[in-house]
PDB file of N, CA and C in Angstrom:
ATOM      1  N   MET A   1     -20.116 -46.088 105.504  1.00  0.00           N
ATOM      2  CA  MET A   1     -20.674 -46.353 104.200  1.00  0.00           C
ATOM      3  C   MET A   1     -22.186 -46.154 104.262  1.00  0.00           C
ATOM      4  N   ALA A   2     -22.719 -45.576 103.209  1.00  0.00           N
ATOM      5  CA  ALA A   2     -24.162 -45.335 103.153  1.00  0.00           C
ATOM      6  C   ALA A   2     -24.932 -46.645 103.053  1.00  0.00           C
ATOM      7  N   LEU A   3     -26.001 -46.731 103.796  1.00  0.00           N
ATOM      8  CA  LEU A   3     -26.852 -47.913 103.717  1.00  0.00           C
ATOM      9  C   LEU A   3     -27.863 -47.787 102.592  1.00  0.00           C
ATOM     10  N   ASP A   4     -28.309 -46.572 102.320  1.00  0.00           N
ATOM     11  CA  ASP A   4     -29.275 -46.329 101.261  1.00  0.00           C
ATOM     12  C   ASP A   4     -28.750 -45.242 100.338  1.00  0.00           C
ATOM     13  N   VAL A   5     -28.832 -45.470  99.049  1.00  0.00           N
ATOM     14  CA  VAL A   5     -28.498 -44.453  98.055  1.00  0.00           C
ATOM     15  C   VAL A   5     -29.802 -44.054  97.397  1.00  0.00           C
ATOM     16  N   LEU A   6     -30.140 -42.782  97.496  1.00  0.00           N
ATOM     17  CA  LEU A   6     -31.400 -42.296  96.968  1.00  0.00           C
ATOM     18  C   LEU A   6     -31.232 -41.840  95.529  1.00  0.00           C
ATOM     19  N   CYS A   7     -32.301 -41.955  94.743  1.00  0.00           N
ATOM     20  CA  CYS A   7     -32.275 -41.588  93.333  1.00  0.00           C
ATOM     21  C   CYS A   7     -33.618 -40.995  92.951  1.00  0.00           C
ATOM     22  N   GLU A   8     -33.591 -39.864  92.224  1.00  0.00           N
ATOM     23  CA  GLU A   8     -34.836 -39.248  91.777  1.00  0.00           C
ATOM     24  C   GLU A   8     -35.048 -39.413  90.274  1.00  0.00           C
ATOM     25  N   VAL A   9     -34.184 -40.186  89.600  1.00  0.00           N
ATOM     26  CA  VAL A   9     -34.320 -40.417  88.169  1.00  0.00           C
ATOM     27  C   VAL A   9     -35.218 -41.636  87.959  1.00  0.00           C
ATOM     28  N   MET A  10     -36.463 -41.372  87.647  1.00  0.00           N
ATOM     29  CA  MET A  10     -37.472 -42.426  87.600  1.00  0.00           C
ATOM     30  C   MET A  10     -37.227 -43.468  86.511  1.00  0.00           C
ATOM     31  N   ASN A  11     -36.568 -43.100  85.401  1.00  0.00           N
ATOM     32  CA  ASN A  11     -36.419 -44.061  84.310  1.00  0.00           C
ATOM     33  C   ASN A  11     -35.063 -44.765  84.325  1.00  0.00           C
ATOM     34  N   CYS A  12     -34.313 -44.697  85.429  1.00  0.00           N
ATOM     35  CA  CYS A  12     -33.051 -45.431  85.535  1.00  0.00           C
ATOM     36  C   CYS A  12     -33.339 -46.897  85.836  1.00  0.00           C
ATOM     37  N   VAL A  13     -32.621 -47.781  85.174  1.00  0.00           N
ATOM     38  CA  VAL A  13     -32.827 -49.218  85.360  1.00  0.00           C
ATOM     39  C   VAL A  13     -32.524 -49.649  86.801  1.00  0.00           C
ATOM     40  N   HIS A  14     -31.700 -48.892  87.509  1.00  0.00           N
ATOM     41  CA  HIS A  14     -31.335 -49.237  88.890  1.00  0.00           C
ATOM     42  C   HIS A  14     -32.283 -48.658  89.935  1.00  0.00           C
ATOM     43  N   ASN A  15     -33.227 -47.816  89.523  1.00  0.00           N
ATOM     44  CA  ASN A  15     -34.151 -47.194  90.464  1.00  0.00           C
ATOM     45  C   ASN A  15     -35.138 -48.243  90.973  1.00  0.00           C
ATOM     46  N   GLU A  16     -35.180 -48.405  92.292  1.00  0.00           N
ATOM     47  CA  GLU A  16     -36.065 -49.383  92.924  1.00  0.00           C
ATOM     48  C   GLU A  16     -37.169 -48.655  93.682  1.00  0.00           C
ATOM     49  N   GLY A  17     -38.365 -48.752  93.211  1.00  0.00           N
ATOM     50  CA  GLY A  17     -39.506 -48.179  93.909  1.00  0.00           C
ATOM     51  C   GLY A  17     -39.596 -46.670  93.834  1.00  0.00           C
ATOM     52  N   GLY A  18     -38.882 -46.055  92.910  1.00  0.00           N
ATOM     53  CA  GLY A  18     -39.008 -44.627  92.713  1.00  0.00           C
ATOM     54  C   GLY A  18     -38.135 -43.742  93.573  1.00  0.00           C
ATOM     55  N   LYS A  19     -37.347 -44.323  94.497  1.00  0.00           N
ATOM     56  CA  LYS A  19     -36.503 -43.481  95.354  1.00  0.00           C
ATOM     57  C   LYS A  19     -35.142 -44.083  95.671  1.00  0.00           C
ATOM     58  N   LYS A  20     -34.965 -45.377  95.560  1.00  0.00           N
ATOM     59  CA  LYS A  20     -33.745 -46.031  96.021  1.00  0.00           C
ATOM     60  C   LYS A  20     -32.948 -46.603  94.851  1.00  0.00           C
ATOM     61  N   CYS A  21     -31.613 -46.404  94.880  1.00  0.00           N
ATOM     62  CA  CYS A  21     -30.743 -46.939  93.846  1.00  0.00           C
ATOM     63  C   CYS A  21     -30.315 -48.355  94.223  1.00  0.00           C
ATOM     64  N   GLY A  22     -30.430 -49.269  93.277  1.00  0.00           N
ATOM     65  CA  GLY A  22     -30.043 -50.653  93.522  1.00  0.00           C
ATOM     66  C   GLY A  22     -28.777 -51.057  92.796  1.00  0.00           C
ATOM     67  N   ALA A  23     -28.016 -50.094  92.254  1.00  0.00           N
ATOM     68  CA  ALA A  23     -26.775 -50.409  91.553  1.00  0.00           C
ATOM     69  C   ALA A  23     -25.744 -50.991  92.520  1.00  0.00           C
ATOM     70  N   SER A  24     -24.866 -51.843  92.014  1.00  0.00           N
ATOM     71  CA  SER A  24     -23.849 -52.465  92.866  1.00  0.00           C
ATOM     72  C   SER A  24     -22.733 -51.498  93.241  1.00  0.00           C
ATOM     73  N   GLN A  25     -22.581 -50.418  92.491  1.00  0.00           N
ATOM     74  CA  GLN A  25     -21.620 -49.376  92.841  1.00  0.00           C
ATOM     75  C   GLN A  25     -22.115 -48.044  92.316  1.00  0.00           C
ATOM     76  N   ILE A  26     -21.583 -46.963  92.865  1.00  0.00           N
ATOM     77  CA  ILE A  26     -21.982 -45.607  92.494  1.00  0.00           C
ATOM     78  C   ILE A  26     -20.762 -44.890  91.922  1.00  0.00           C
ATOM     79  N   PHE A  27     -20.955 -44.130  90.843  1.00  0.00           N
ATOM     80  CA  PHE A  27     -19.877 -43.378  90.208  1.00  0.00           C
ATOM     81  C   PHE A  27     -20.211 -41.900  90.293  1.00  0.00           C
ATOM     82  N   VAL A  28     -19.437 -41.140  91.053  1.00  0.00           N
ATOM     83  CA  VAL A  28     -19.651 -39.711  91.246  1.00  0.00           C
ATOM     84  C   VAL A  28     -18.615 -38.962  90.420  1.00  0.00           C
ATOM     85  N   VAL A  29     -19.053 -37.926  89.696  1.00  0.00           N
ATOM     86  CA  VAL A  29     -18.118 -37.166  88.870  1.00  0.00           C
ATOM     87  C   VAL A  29     -18.029 -35.720  89.324  1.00  0.00           C
ATOM     88  N   SER A  30     -16.869 -35.117  89.037  1.00  0.00           N
ATOM     89  CA  SER A  30     -16.633 -33.708  89.308  1.00  0.00           C
ATOM     90  C   SER A  30     -16.590 -32.958  87.987  1.00  0.00           C
ATOM     91  N   HIS A  31     -17.124 -31.752  87.989  1.00  0.00           N
ATOM     92  CA  HIS A  31     -17.092 -30.916  86.796  1.00  0.00           C
ATOM     93  C   HIS A  31     -15.873 -30.005  86.795  1.00  0.00           C
ATOM     94  N   LYS A  32     -15.016 -30.118  87.795  1.00  0.00           N
ATOM     95  CA  LYS A  32     -13.848 -29.251  87.968  1.00  0.00           C
ATOM     96  C   LYS A  32     -12.560 -30.063  88.055  1.00  0.00           C
ATOM     97  N   GLY A  33     -12.411 -31.093  87.266  1.00  0.00           N
ATOM     98  CA  GLY A  33     -11.207 -31.928  87.334  1.00  0.00           C
ATOM     99  C   GLY A  33     -11.327 -32.957  88.439  1.00  0.00           C
ATOM    100  N   ASP A  34     -10.194 -33.314  89.061  1.00  0.00           N
ATOM    101  CA  ASP A  34     -10.231 -34.371  90.077  1.00  0.00           C
ATOM    102  C   ASP A  34     -10.429 -33.848  91.494  1.00  0.00           C
ATOM    103  N   LYS A  35     -10.648 -32.540  91.654  1.00  0.00           N
ATOM    104  CA  LYS A  35     -10.923 -31.969  92.977  1.00  0.00           C
ATOM    105  C   LYS A  35     -12.108 -31.012  92.875  1.00  0.00           C
ATOM    106  N   ALA A  36     -13.016 -31.097  93.827  1.00  0.00           N
ATOM    107  CA  ALA A  36     -14.186 -30.215  93.869  1.00  0.00           C
ATOM    108  C   ALA A  36     -14.214 -29.516  95.221  1.00  0.00           C
ATOM    109  N   HIS A  37     -14.873 -28.365  95.253  1.00  0.00           N
ATOM    110  CA  HIS A  37     -14.971 -27.607  96.498  1.00  0.00           C
ATOM    111  C   HIS A  37     -16.394 -27.532  97.035  1.00  0.00           C
ATOM    112  N   THR A  38     -17.387 -27.749  96.184  1.00  0.00           N
ATOM    113  CA  THR A  38     -18.796 -27.702  96.589  1.00  0.00           C
ATOM    114  C   THR A  38     -19.558 -28.818  95.891  1.00  0.00           C
ATOM    115  N   SER A  39     -20.735 -29.135  96.412  1.00  0.00           N
ATOM    116  CA  SER A  39     -21.549 -30.179  95.779  1.00  0.00           C
ATOM    117  C   SER A  39     -22.021 -29.757  94.392  1.00  0.00           C
ATOM    118  N   GLU A  40     -22.134 -28.441  94.149  1.00  0.00           N
ATOM    119  CA  GLU A  40     -22.550 -27.952  92.837  1.00  0.00           C
ATOM    120  C   GLU A  40     -21.516 -28.254  91.759  1.00  0.00           C
ATOM    121  N   GLU A  41     -20.273 -28.499  92.152  1.00  0.00           N
ATOM    122  CA  GLU A  41     -19.216 -28.843  91.208  1.00  0.00           C
ATOM    123  C   GLU A  41     -19.173 -30.342  90.916  1.00  0.00           C
ATOM    124  N   THR A  42     -20.111 -31.105  91.473  1.00  0.00           N
ATOM    125  CA  THR A  42     -20.154 -32.557  91.287  1.00  0.00           C
ATOM    126  C   THR A  42     -21.550 -32.992  90.865  1.00  0.00           C
ATOM    127  N   ASP A  43     -21.666 -34.268  90.556  1.00  0.00           N
ATOM    128  CA  ASP A  43     -22.975 -34.882  90.358  1.00  0.00           C
ATOM    129  C   ASP A  43     -23.333 -35.698  91.598  1.00  0.00           C
ATOM    130  N   CYS A  44     -23.054 -35.123  92.775  1.00  0.00           N
ATOM    131  CA  CYS A  44     -23.341 -35.764  94.054  1.00  0.00           C
ATOM    132  C   CYS A  44     -23.880 -34.722  95.010  1.00  0.00           C
ATOM    133  N   LYS A  45     -25.133 -34.807  95.373  1.00  0.00           N
ATOM    134  CA  LYS A  45     -25.760 -33.810  96.254  1.00  0.00           C
ATOM    135  C   LYS A  45     -25.243 -33.881  97.681  1.00  0.00           C
ATOM    136  N   THR A  46     -24.638 -34.998  98.078  1.00  0.00           N
ATOM    137  CA  THR A  46     -24.146 -35.159  99.444  1.00  0.00           C
ATOM    138  C   THR A  46     -22.658 -34.900  99.550  1.00  0.00           C
ATOM    139  N   PHE A  47     -22.010 -34.440  98.484  1.00  0.00           N
ATOM    140  CA  PHE A  47     -20.577 -34.158  98.519  1.00  0.00           C
ATOM    141  C   PHE A  47     -20.256 -33.122  99.590  1.00  0.00           C
ATOM    142  N   GLU A  48     -19.204 -33.395 100.367  1.00  0.00           N
ATOM    143  CA  GLU A  48     -18.654 -32.448 101.315  1.00  0.00           C
ATOM    144  C   GLU A  48     -17.150 -32.448 101.122  1.00  0.00           C
ATOM    145  N   PRO A  49     -16.539 -31.281 100.934  1.00  0.00           N
ATOM    146  CA  PRO A  49     -15.097 -31.277 100.674  1.00  0.00           C
ATOM    147  C   PRO A  49     -14.298 -31.756 101.871  1.00  0.00           C
ATOM    148  N   GLY A  50     -13.264 -32.538 101.573  1.00  0.00           N
ATOM    149  CA  GLY A  50     -12.331 -32.975 102.585  1.00  0.00           C
ATOM    150  C   GLY A  50     -11.004 -32.296 102.311  1.00  0.00           C
ATOM    151  N   GLU A  51      -9.950 -32.813 102.902  1.00  0.00           N
ATOM    152  CA  GLU A  51      -8.622 -32.251 102.688  1.00  0.00           C
ATOM    153  C   GLU A  51      -8.210 -32.462 101.237  1.00  0.00           C
ATOM    154  N   LEU A  52      -7.801 -31.390 100.576  1.00  0.00           N
ATOM    155  CA  LEU A  52      -7.343 -31.489  99.194  1.00  0.00           C
ATOM    156  C   LEU A  52      -5.936 -32.041  99.184  1.00  0.00           C
ATOM    157  N   LEU A  53      -5.761 -33.150  98.520  1.00  0.00           N
ATOM    158  CA  LEU A  53      -4.426 -33.793  98.486  1.00  0.00           C
ATOM    159  C   LEU A  53      -3.645 -33.350  97.282  1.00  0.00           C
TER     160      LEU A  53
END
């Protein structure tokens, strides 16, 4: 599990100190249904594809 979640959206209420997300949970979405193949298909820059179920 990630210890730090980084955020570059300065006007988000969860942004702490301009770089760190303080939200209690993170919601990542895919632009290609429920399976993605690249990080560009998601709103998550650290996405890495795993086994497609």
